[in-house]
Protein backbone atom coordinates (compact mmCIF):
# COMPACT_ATOMS: atom_id res chain seq x y z
CA MET A 1 46.39 -19.65 -33.20
CA THR A 2 43.06 -17.69 -33.81
CA VAL A 3 42.10 -14.78 -31.51
CA ARG A 4 38.23 -14.11 -31.23
CA ARG A 5 36.98 -10.56 -30.70
CA PRO A 6 34.22 -10.09 -28.80
CA ASN A 7 30.85 -9.55 -30.45
CA ARG A 8 30.47 -5.86 -30.33
CA GLU A 9 27.26 -5.98 -32.41
CA GLY A 10 25.38 -8.17 -29.96
CA ALA A 11 26.18 -5.94 -27.17
CA ARG A 12 25.06 -2.80 -29.21
CA VAL A 13 21.73 -4.48 -29.74
CA GLY A 14 21.36 -5.42 -26.02
CA ILE A 15 22.02 -2.00 -25.03
CA ALA A 16 19.56 -0.56 -27.56
CA ALA A 17 16.77 -2.97 -26.52
CA ALA A 18 17.36 -1.98 -22.87
CA VAL A 19 17.13 2.00 -23.60
CA PHE A 20 14.18 1.19 -25.53
CA ALA A 21 12.44 -1.07 -22.57
CA LEU A 22 13.02 1.28 -19.77
CA PRO A 23 10.53 4.15 -20.82
CA LEU A 24 7.97 1.22 -21.63
CA ALA A 25 8.49 -0.11 -18.05
CA LEU A 26 8.20 3.14 -16.34
CA ALA A 27 5.01 3.83 -18.46
CA GLY A 28 3.41 0.69 -17.37
CA ALA A 29 4.08 1.56 -13.61
CA SER A 30 2.53 5.11 -13.86
CA ALA A 31 -0.40 3.62 -15.86
CA ALA A 32 -1.23 1.27 -13.21
CA GLN A 33 -2.28 4.14 -10.80
CA THR A 34 -6.04 4.85 -10.24
CA TRP A 35 -7.15 8.35 -10.25
CA VAL A 36 -9.38 9.25 -7.15
CA GLY A 37 -9.52 12.98 -7.51
CA THR A 38 -10.54 14.46 -4.14
CA ASN A 39 -12.25 11.19 -2.95
CA ILE A 40 -9.36 9.81 -1.03
CA GLU A 41 -11.38 8.05 1.23
CA GLY A 42 -13.91 6.26 -0.97
CA GLY A 43 -12.99 2.72 -0.58
CA MET A 44 -12.92 0.04 1.89
CA HIS A 45 -13.72 0.98 5.79
CA TRP A 46 -11.16 -0.17 8.37
CA HIS A 47 -11.91 -0.07 12.07
CA VAL A 48 -9.44 -0.48 15.11
CA SER A 49 -10.68 -1.55 18.65
CA ALA A 50 -8.74 -1.37 21.71
CA PRO A 51 -11.32 -1.83 24.38
CA GLU A 52 -8.95 -1.46 27.16
CA GLY A 53 -6.99 1.44 25.77
CA ALA A 54 -3.88 -0.14 24.22
CA ALA A 55 -1.56 1.79 22.10
CA TRP A 56 -1.51 0.50 18.40
CA ARG A 57 0.20 1.20 15.12
CA LEU A 58 -1.63 0.63 11.99
CA GLU A 59 -0.13 0.30 8.26
CA CYS A 60 -2.44 -0.36 5.19
CA ARG A 61 -0.97 -0.90 1.75
CA PHE A 62 -3.15 -0.88 -1.53
CA PRO A 63 -2.35 -0.43 -5.31
CA PRO A 64 -1.10 3.02 -6.11
CA VAL A 65 -3.70 5.76 -6.38
CA THR A 66 -3.16 9.50 -7.79
CA TYR A 67 -5.46 12.27 -6.15
CA TYR A 68 -5.89 15.90 -6.37
CA ARG A 69 -3.71 17.44 -3.51
CA ASN A 70 -4.07 21.44 -4.12
CA ALA A 71 -3.83 24.00 -6.92
CA TYR A 72 0.04 24.16 -6.84
CA GLU A 73 0.62 20.34 -6.50
CA GLN A 74 -2.45 18.96 -8.40
CA LYS A 75 -1.63 15.29 -8.74
CA ALA A 76 0.10 13.32 -5.74
CA TRP A 77 0.16 9.61 -5.26
CA ILE A 78 0.08 7.26 -2.38
CA ASN A 79 0.19 3.43 -1.83
CA ARG A 80 0.37 3.29 2.13
CA PHE A 81 -1.53 4.59 4.84
CA GLU A 82 -0.11 4.66 8.48
CA ARG A 83 -1.74 5.87 11.71
CA SER A 84 -0.91 5.43 15.51
CA GLY A 85 -3.16 5.80 18.27
CA ARG A 86 -4.80 4.70 21.57
CA GLY A 87 -8.24 3.09 21.68
CA ASP A 88 -10.62 2.92 19.14
CA ASP A 89 -10.35 4.55 15.61
CA SER A 90 -11.80 4.09 12.12
CA GLY A 91 -11.50 5.34 8.78
CA ARG A 92 -11.66 4.53 4.86
CA LEU A 93 -9.00 3.91 2.40
CA PRO A 94 -9.12 5.05 -1.25
CA LEU A 95 -9.78 1.64 -2.86
CA ASN A 96 -11.65 -1.33 -2.26
CA ILE A 97 -8.58 -3.82 -2.30
CA GLY A 98 -5.54 -3.79 -0.04
CA HIS A 99 -4.28 -5.33 3.17
CA CYS A 100 -3.66 -3.92 6.71
CA HIS A 101 -1.41 -4.93 9.84
CA LEU A 102 -1.92 -3.70 13.14
CA TRP A 103 0.72 -3.90 15.99
CA LYS A 104 0.03 -3.39 19.61
CA THR A 105 2.69 -0.86 20.98
CA GLY A 106 1.74 -0.62 24.71
CA GLY A 107 -1.01 -0.66 27.24
CA ARG A 108 -3.47 -3.14 28.40
CA GLY A 109 -5.56 -5.70 26.43
CA ALA A 110 -5.66 -6.65 22.83
CA VAL A 111 -5.87 -4.76 19.59
CA ALA A 112 -8.26 -5.81 16.83
CA ILE A 113 -8.32 -4.64 13.19
CA GLY A 114 -11.46 -5.04 10.80
CA VAL A 115 -11.89 -4.23 7.03
CA SER A 116 -15.11 -4.35 5.01
CA ARG A 117 -16.17 -3.43 1.58
CA PRO A 118 -19.61 -4.10 0.08
CA GLY A 119 -20.49 -7.57 1.00
CA GLU A 120 -17.43 -8.94 2.75
CA THR A 121 -15.82 -8.07 6.16
CA VAL A 122 -12.62 -9.53 7.84
CA ALA A 123 -11.14 -9.20 11.22
CA ASP A 124 -8.11 -10.19 13.34
CA ALA A 125 -6.91 -9.47 16.85
CA SER A 126 -3.69 -9.76 18.67
CA ARG A 127 -2.38 -9.60 22.09
CA ASP A 128 1.24 -9.88 21.37
CA ARG A 129 3.47 -7.00 20.41
CA ALA A 130 5.69 -9.01 18.09
CA THR A 131 2.62 -10.69 16.28
CA PRO A 132 0.55 -8.20 14.29
CA ALA A 133 -3.06 -8.74 13.44
CA ALA A 134 -3.27 -8.94 9.61
CA VAL A 135 -6.36 -8.47 7.38
CA GLY A 136 -7.15 -7.66 3.57
CA PHE A 137 -8.85 -8.00 0.45
CA LEU A 138 -6.57 -8.70 -2.79
């Protein structure tokens, strides 16, 4: 009867490959971030409309960006923007790509979201609290 030993050399090669690949994977994620400096609102425009004063919650997601925060914490990163409110509101995101979801959280009437970048505009609306309005550019 022959007893086979596990191939320890193969396991060592696998571990070495994983240790080598981990820093490369982490470097790829950080390299994918776009530096926007202090211009954190230089991308696409968003506008929420709630003509009857409905309450809402907005969540926008976009590729990660790094920006200048302050003299002590010079670089910070974000990939999500959230805001809650009642009635109309507007602003800008850091990039011209991303998507937004708008949930109605209370009040009367519908809520609507529109986003635009040079040459393009998309919009959606919802009256239902369970179904958000969704728009975006990818």
